[in-house]
């Protein structure tokens, strides 16, 4: 590869990375046993993108398993695992179902943004909150919120997966 191509590639990488932005805030990490039973509930969807909450929950369950947690299951409380815009299952119903499944924790959350920005570059953007709730106490024991915008030609799915993964890494630290 010529020197010009290398310089161009490095410059392009720097310019494109400057277009992306990230904000991630989380409470103090907790220690989860690898075998702890975790139920992942469908996330509330506050976006105009159909199914964004279910997609985020599905990715979260998969990423928790990828991080070595063995007792991860999906918690469904409605017939089709799809909730109307912004609606979340009743917390008492979630906890009751999680107890019946033998779960120690419930992961719940909300999706505030899941889209491509308007304009020529059409950058992906996501904003997600995630809570870990102790089934016994019914209290939030860990929480995080993250917002990210990506670079042109990046998919919303990749950006969402990276964002959720960063949130789970904060949970596990």
Protein backbone atom coordinates (compact mmCIF):
# COMPACT_ATOMS: atom_id res chain seq x y z
CA UNK A 1 0.00 0.00 0.00
CA UNK A 2 1.36 3.36 -0.91
CA UNK A 3 2.02 6.10 1.60
CA UNK A 4 -0.72 8.26 0.07
CA UNK A 5 -3.32 5.52 0.53
CA UNK A 6 -2.28 5.01 4.15
CA UNK A 7 -2.46 8.71 4.97
CA UNK A 8 -5.82 8.97 3.21
CA UNK A 9 -7.17 5.94 5.14
CA UNK A 10 -6.00 7.29 8.50
CA UNK A 11 -7.37 10.76 7.76
CA UNK A 12 -10.73 9.32 6.66
CA UNK A 13 -10.91 7.19 9.81
CA UNK A 14 -10.25 10.20 12.02
CA UNK A 15 -12.82 12.31 10.20
CA UNK A 16 -15.51 9.61 10.38
CA UNK A 17 -14.86 8.88 14.03
CA UNK A 18 -15.37 12.57 14.72
CA UNK A 19 -18.94 12.31 13.39
CA UNK A 20 -19.99 9.79 16.03
CA UNK A 21 -20.89 10.71 19.59
CA UNK A 22 -21.47 8.67 22.71
CA UNK A 23 -22.91 9.28 26.15
CA UNK A 24 -23.10 6.43 28.67
CA UNK A 25 -23.88 6.76 32.34
CA UNK A 26 -24.33 3.84 34.70
CA UNK A 27 -24.61 3.18 38.39
CA UNK A 28 -21.93 1.20 40.19
CA UNK A 29 -21.35 -2.28 38.77
CA UNK A 30 -22.54 -5.30 40.69
CA UNK A 31 -21.21 -8.83 40.86
CA UNK A 32 -23.47 -11.32 39.09
CA UNK A 33 -22.90 -15.03 39.52
CA UNK A 34 -22.43 -16.72 36.12
CA UNK A 35 -25.38 -19.05 36.86
CA UNK A 36 -27.73 -16.35 38.20
CA UNK A 37 -31.16 -16.62 36.61
CA UNK A 38 -31.92 -13.41 34.70
CA UNK A 39 -35.20 -12.74 32.91
CA UNK A 40 -35.11 -10.12 30.15
CA UNK A 41 -38.40 -8.27 29.66
CA UNK A 42 -39.40 -6.48 26.48
CA UNK A 43 -38.21 -2.88 26.56
CA UNK A 44 -40.71 -0.06 26.30
CA UNK A 45 -40.64 1.54 22.86
CA UNK A 46 -40.86 5.34 22.90
CA UNK A 47 -39.79 5.61 19.26
CA UNK A 48 -41.69 5.62 16.01
CA UNK A 49 -39.76 2.51 14.94
CA UNK A 50 -42.00 -0.54 15.31
CA UNK A 51 -40.49 -3.32 17.41
CA UNK A 52 -37.50 -1.33 18.69
CA UNK A 53 -38.20 -2.40 22.29
CA UNK A 54 -38.41 -6.07 21.38
CA UNK A 55 -35.24 -5.81 19.30
CA UNK A 56 -33.34 -4.17 22.16
CA UNK A 57 -34.53 -6.85 24.61
CA UNK A 58 -33.58 -9.66 22.23
CA UNK A 59 -30.11 -8.21 21.71
CA UNK A 60 -29.72 -7.71 25.47
CA UNK A 61 -30.56 -11.37 26.19
CA UNK A 62 -28.11 -12.54 23.53
CA UNK A 63 -25.35 -10.25 24.77
CA UNK A 64 -25.82 -11.34 28.39
CA UNK A 65 -25.34 -14.94 27.23
CA UNK A 66 -22.29 -13.89 25.20
CA UNK A 67 -20.85 -12.33 28.37
CA UNK A 68 -20.95 -15.76 30.03
CA UNK A 69 -24.17 -15.51 32.02
CA UNK A 70 -25.86 -18.89 31.73
CA UNK A 71 -29.33 -18.42 33.27
CA UNK A 72 -30.74 -15.88 30.80
CA UNK A 73 -34.33 -16.25 29.59
CA UNK A 74 -36.78 -14.01 27.81
CA UNK A 75 -39.77 -12.88 29.85
CA UNK A 76 -42.92 -12.47 27.81
CA UNK A 77 -46.06 -11.05 29.38
CA UNK A 78 -48.19 -10.34 26.35
CA UNK A 79 -49.39 -12.64 23.59
CA UNK A 80 -47.04 -11.51 20.82
CA UNK A 81 -44.22 -9.96 22.92
CA UNK A 82 -45.03 -6.62 21.27
CA UNK A 83 -46.26 -3.69 23.28
CA UNK A 84 -47.98 -0.58 21.94
CA UNK A 85 -45.90 2.57 21.62
CA UNK A 86 -44.42 3.53 25.01
CA UNK A 87 -46.35 0.92 26.98
CA UNK A 88 -44.45 -1.25 29.43
CA UNK A 89 -45.78 -4.27 31.28
CA UNK A 90 -46.95 -3.72 34.83
CA UNK A 91 -43.87 -4.08 37.13
CA UNK A 92 -45.82 -6.31 39.52
CA UNK A 93 -46.72 -8.63 36.63
CA UNK A 94 -43.07 -8.78 35.54
CA UNK A 95 -41.91 -9.66 39.04
CA UNK A 96 -44.62 -12.29 39.50
CA UNK A 97 -43.71 -13.99 36.21
CA UNK A 98 -39.97 -13.74 36.98
CA UNK A 99 -40.52 -15.37 40.40
CA UNK A 100 -42.51 -18.15 38.76
CA UNK A 101 -39.60 -18.73 36.37
CA UNK A 102 -37.13 -18.82 39.26
CA UNK A 103 -35.32 -15.68 38.13
CA UNK A 104 -33.16 -13.71 40.56
CA UNK A 105 -33.05 -10.57 38.41
CA UNK A 106 -35.16 -8.89 35.74
CA UNK A 107 -33.62 -6.71 33.06
CA UNK A 108 -36.05 -4.09 31.79
CA UNK A 109 -35.58 -0.91 29.86
CA UNK A 110 -36.79 1.57 27.31
CA UNK A 111 -35.78 2.70 23.85
CA UNK A 112 -36.02 6.45 23.32
CA UNK A 113 -34.35 6.62 19.90
CA UNK A 114 -33.73 4.02 17.19
CA UNK A 115 -33.45 5.66 13.79
CA UNK A 116 -31.38 7.23 11.06
CA UNK A 117 -30.92 10.99 11.20
CA UNK A 118 -32.40 13.03 8.39
CA UNK A 119 -29.99 14.36 5.82
CA UNK A 120 -27.58 13.24 3.17
CA UNK A 121 -25.38 11.24 5.52
CA UNK A 122 -28.24 9.47 7.37
CA UNK A 123 -26.30 8.62 10.52
CA UNK A 124 -27.80 5.98 12.85
CA UNK A 125 -28.82 7.09 16.34
CA UNK A 126 -29.96 5.14 19.42
CA UNK A 127 -30.86 6.04 22.99
CA UNK A 128 -31.57 3.29 25.49
CA UNK A 129 -32.10 2.89 29.23
CA UNK A 130 -31.61 -0.39 31.07
CA UNK A 131 -32.46 -1.41 34.64
CA UNK A 132 -31.57 -4.52 36.59
CA UNK A 133 -34.26 -5.24 39.16
CA UNK A 134 -33.89 -7.64 42.09
CA UNK A 135 -36.84 -10.02 41.99
CA UNK A 136 -37.01 -10.41 45.79
CA UNK A 137 -36.99 -6.70 46.61
CA UNK A 138 -38.58 -5.36 43.44
CA UNK A 139 -36.02 -2.54 43.51
CA UNK A 140 -33.71 -1.29 40.79
CA UNK A 141 -30.21 -2.38 41.83
CA UNK A 142 -28.37 -1.17 38.73
CA UNK A 143 -29.26 1.28 35.99
CA UNK A 144 -27.70 2.75 32.86
CA UNK A 145 -28.61 5.11 30.09
CA UNK A 146 -26.79 5.52 26.81
CA UNK A 147 -27.13 7.60 23.68
CA UNK A 148 -25.03 7.15 20.57
CA UNK A 149 -24.89 8.39 17.06
CA UNK A 150 -22.91 6.49 14.50
CA UNK A 151 -21.17 7.17 11.26
CA UNK A 152 -22.71 7.22 7.78
CA UNK A 153 -23.25 3.75 6.29
CA UNK A 154 -23.34 2.11 9.73
CA UNK A 155 -26.54 0.23 10.54
CA UNK A 156 -28.79 1.05 13.46
CA UNK A 157 -28.53 -2.61 14.49
CA UNK A 158 -24.74 -2.50 14.77
CA UNK A 159 -24.91 0.78 16.69
CA UNK A 160 -27.59 -0.59 19.04
CA UNK A 161 -25.63 -3.80 19.64
CA UNK A 162 -22.46 -1.86 20.44
CA UNK A 163 -24.39 0.45 22.77
CA UNK A 164 -26.11 -2.40 24.62
CA UNK A 165 -22.80 -4.27 24.85
CA UNK A 166 -21.12 -1.23 26.41
CA UNK A 167 -23.97 -1.01 28.94
CA UNK A 168 -23.62 -4.69 29.86
CA UNK A 169 -19.85 -4.27 30.21
CA UNK A 170 -20.55 -1.49 32.72
CA UNK A 171 -22.89 -3.85 34.60
CA UNK A 172 -20.19 -6.53 34.77
CA UNK A 173 -17.18 -4.35 35.75
